[in-house]
N, C-alpha and C. Protein backbone atom coordinates (compact mmCIF):
# COMPACT_ATOMS: atom_id res chain seq x y z
N MET A 1 24.63 43.30 53.78
CA MET A 1 24.04 41.81 54.33
C MET A 1 22.61 42.64 53.75
N GLU A 2 21.97 42.84 53.89
CA GLU A 2 20.28 43.57 53.30
C GLU A 2 20.73 43.61 51.45
N PHE A 3 21.75 43.96 50.81
CA PHE A 3 21.61 43.84 49.72
C PHE A 3 21.97 42.18 49.25
N ALA A 4 22.18 41.47 50.26
CA ALA A 4 22.18 40.07 49.26
C ALA A 4 20.66 39.51 50.20
N LYS A 5 20.11 40.19 50.62
CA LYS A 5 18.98 39.76 51.16
C LYS A 5 17.90 40.03 49.93
N GLU A 6 17.80 41.34 49.47
CA GLU A 6 16.87 41.72 48.69
C GLU A 6 17.54 41.23 47.22
N TRP A 7 17.70 40.88 46.94
CA TRP A 7 18.75 40.07 45.67
C TRP A 7 18.53 38.89 45.81
N SER A 8 18.90 37.90 46.57
CA SER A 8 18.29 36.80 46.80
C SER A 8 15.64 36.14 46.44
N ASN A 9 15.76 37.43 47.34
CA ASN A 9 14.52 37.68 47.16
C ASN A 9 13.73 37.81 45.68
N ARG A 10 14.61 38.80 44.46
CA ARG A 10 14.41 39.89 43.48
C ARG A 10 14.86 37.83 43.10
N PHE A 11 15.40 37.01 43.09
CA PHE A 11 16.60 36.22 41.94
C PHE A 11 15.09 34.79 41.30
N VAL A 12 15.71 34.91 40.31
CA VAL A 12 14.23 34.35 39.59
C VAL A 12 14.71 33.27 38.99
N PRO A 13 15.26 32.11 39.13
CA PRO A 13 15.98 31.54 37.87
C PRO A 13 15.63 31.05 36.78
N ILE A 14 16.31 31.35 35.54
CA ILE A 14 15.28 30.96 34.04
C ILE A 14 15.38 30.09 33.75
N PRO A 15 14.45 29.89 32.66
CA PRO A 15 14.19 27.80 32.67
C PRO A 15 15.20 27.43 31.96
N ALA A 16 16.31 27.92 31.63
CA ALA A 16 17.57 27.62 31.20
C ALA A 16 18.22 26.84 31.83
N ARG A 17 18.43 27.62 33.54
CA ARG A 17 18.80 27.48 34.78
C ARG A 17 17.96 26.41 35.37
N VAL A 18 16.61 26.37 35.67
CA VAL A 18 16.43 25.11 36.05
C VAL A 18 15.89 23.56 34.79
N SER A 19 15.81 23.55 33.59
CA SER A 19 16.87 22.82 32.93
C SER A 19 18.74 22.21 33.40
N LEU A 20 19.22 23.25 33.67
CA LEU A 20 20.26 22.30 33.78
C LEU A 20 20.44 22.37 35.52
N ASN A 21 19.87 22.62 36.04
CA ASN A 21 19.54 21.41 36.98
C ASN A 21 18.89 20.63 37.15
N ASP A 22 18.16 20.28 36.30
CA ASP A 22 17.39 19.56 35.70
C ASP A 22 18.34 17.90 35.67
N LEU A 23 19.28 18.89 34.59
CA LEU A 23 20.25 18.09 34.04
C LEU A 23 21.27 17.52 34.90
N ILE A 24 21.47 18.04 35.94
CA ILE A 24 22.65 18.11 36.74
C ILE A 24 21.67 16.78 38.16
N LEU A 25 20.93 17.31 37.99
CA LEU A 25 20.45 15.93 39.16
C LEU A 25 20.17 14.51 38.87
N SER A 26 19.80 14.58 37.02
CA SER A 26 19.38 13.48 36.65
C SER A 26 20.95 12.76 36.79
N HIS A 27 21.64 13.34 36.58
CA HIS A 27 23.20 12.59 36.99
C HIS A 27 23.89 12.39 38.49
N LEU A 28 22.88 12.76 39.21
CA LEU A 28 22.83 12.12 40.62
C LEU A 28 22.25 11.07 40.93
N ASP A 29 21.02 10.69 39.93
CA ASP A 29 20.37 10.21 40.43
C ASP A 29 20.54 8.71 40.72
N ALA A 30 22.27 8.28 40.02
CA ALA A 30 23.15 7.19 40.46
C ALA A 30 23.22 6.67 41.25
N SER A 31 23.49 7.89 42.43
CA SER A 31 23.97 7.67 43.63
C SER A 31 22.72 7.18 44.26
N LYS A 32 21.58 7.36 44.24
CA LYS A 32 20.13 7.66 44.84
C LYS A 32 20.39 6.56 46.45
N ASN A 33 21.29 5.02 45.95
CA ASN A 33 20.97 4.73 47.05
C ASN A 33 21.97 4.98 48.27
N ARG A 34 23.02 6.26 48.04
CA ARG A 34 23.78 6.38 48.84
C ARG A 34 23.61 7.96 49.71
N PRO A 35 23.93 8.16 50.60
CA PRO A 35 23.71 9.29 51.19
C PRO A 35 24.74 10.79 50.05
N LEU A 36 24.22 11.66 49.65
CA LEU A 36 24.29 12.25 49.23
C LEU A 36 24.59 13.91 50.18
N HIS A 37 26.48 14.44 49.95
CA HIS A 37 26.42 15.74 51.06
C HIS A 37 26.05 16.55 49.63
N VAL A 38 25.24 17.94 49.97
CA VAL A 38 25.36 18.76 49.40
C VAL A 38 25.68 19.90 50.12
N LEU A 39 26.64 20.58 49.04
CA LEU A 39 27.22 22.10 49.05
C LEU A 39 26.66 23.06 48.65
N GLY A 40 26.02 24.23 48.48
CA GLY A 40 25.30 25.34 47.75
C GLY A 40 26.53 25.92 47.47
N LEU A 41 27.83 26.15 46.34
CA LEU A 41 28.24 27.18 45.85
C LEU A 41 28.10 27.56 44.42
N ASP A 42 26.84 27.58 44.40
CA ASP A 42 26.71 27.84 42.91
C ASP A 42 26.37 29.96 43.15
N ILE A 43 26.24 30.53 41.88
CA ILE A 43 26.22 32.20 41.51
C ILE A 43 24.12 31.97 42.54
N ASP A 44 23.89 31.11 42.44
CA ASP A 44 22.10 31.95 42.82
C ASP A 44 22.36 31.51 44.66
N PRO A 45 20.68 32.10 44.98
CA PRO A 45 20.88 32.11 46.21
C PRO A 45 20.41 30.50 46.74
N GLY A 46 21.35 29.80 46.21
CA GLY A 46 21.28 28.62 46.67
C GLY A 46 19.60 27.48 46.22
N TYR A 47 19.84 27.86 44.71
CA TYR A 47 18.00 27.01 44.08
C TYR A 47 18.95 25.75 43.99
N LEU A 48 19.70 26.13 43.00
CA LEU A 48 20.63 24.39 43.05
C LEU A 48 20.60 23.11 43.79
N ALA A 49 21.32 23.57 45.36
CA ALA A 49 20.99 23.16 46.62
C ALA A 49 19.89 22.51 46.71
N GLU A 50 18.72 23.22 47.06
CA GLU A 50 17.22 23.85 47.14
C GLU A 50 16.93 21.95 46.05
N HIS A 51 16.67 22.34 44.54
CA HIS A 51 16.72 21.58 44.01
C HIS A 51 16.79 19.67 43.97
N ILE A 52 18.09 19.76 44.17
CA ILE A 52 18.65 18.27 44.91
C ILE A 52 18.19 17.83 45.99
N LEU A 53 17.86 19.00 47.13
CA LEU A 53 17.18 18.31 48.55
C LEU A 53 16.39 18.34 48.42
N MET A 54 15.38 18.56 47.66
CA MET A 54 14.15 18.30 47.25
C MET A 54 13.73 16.93 46.68
N ARG A 55 14.23 16.76 45.70
CA ARG A 55 14.10 15.58 44.73
C ARG A 55 15.67 14.67 44.82
N ASN A 56 15.80 14.51 46.04
CA ASN A 56 16.61 13.39 46.01
C ASN A 56 16.67 13.21 47.88
N GLU A 57 15.87 12.06 48.74
CA GLU A 57 15.94 11.92 49.56
C GLU A 57 16.97 11.55 50.44
N ASN A 58 17.62 10.99 50.20
CA ASN A 58 19.11 10.79 50.71
C ASN A 58 20.13 11.81 50.29
N ALA A 59 19.80 13.38 50.07
CA ALA A 59 20.81 14.31 50.52
C ALA A 59 20.36 14.43 51.28
N ILE A 60 21.80 15.58 52.00
CA ILE A 60 21.61 16.23 53.30
C ILE A 60 22.37 17.51 52.79
N TYR A 61 22.29 18.84 53.81
CA TYR A 61 22.76 19.59 53.36
C TYR A 61 23.91 19.89 54.79
């Protein structure tokens, strides 16, 4: 468990990952009028889920 905490503290998304997150979010914009349930199964420590939740007011984790 300690290894996972240390890894997540060191993890910094690279610009390409941030761009990919933005692209994914742009495709989700069509669902802004409906609840969006987010489940983070990405290889990073939840950055994609956080990215979606911070930018979509209808998103639920």
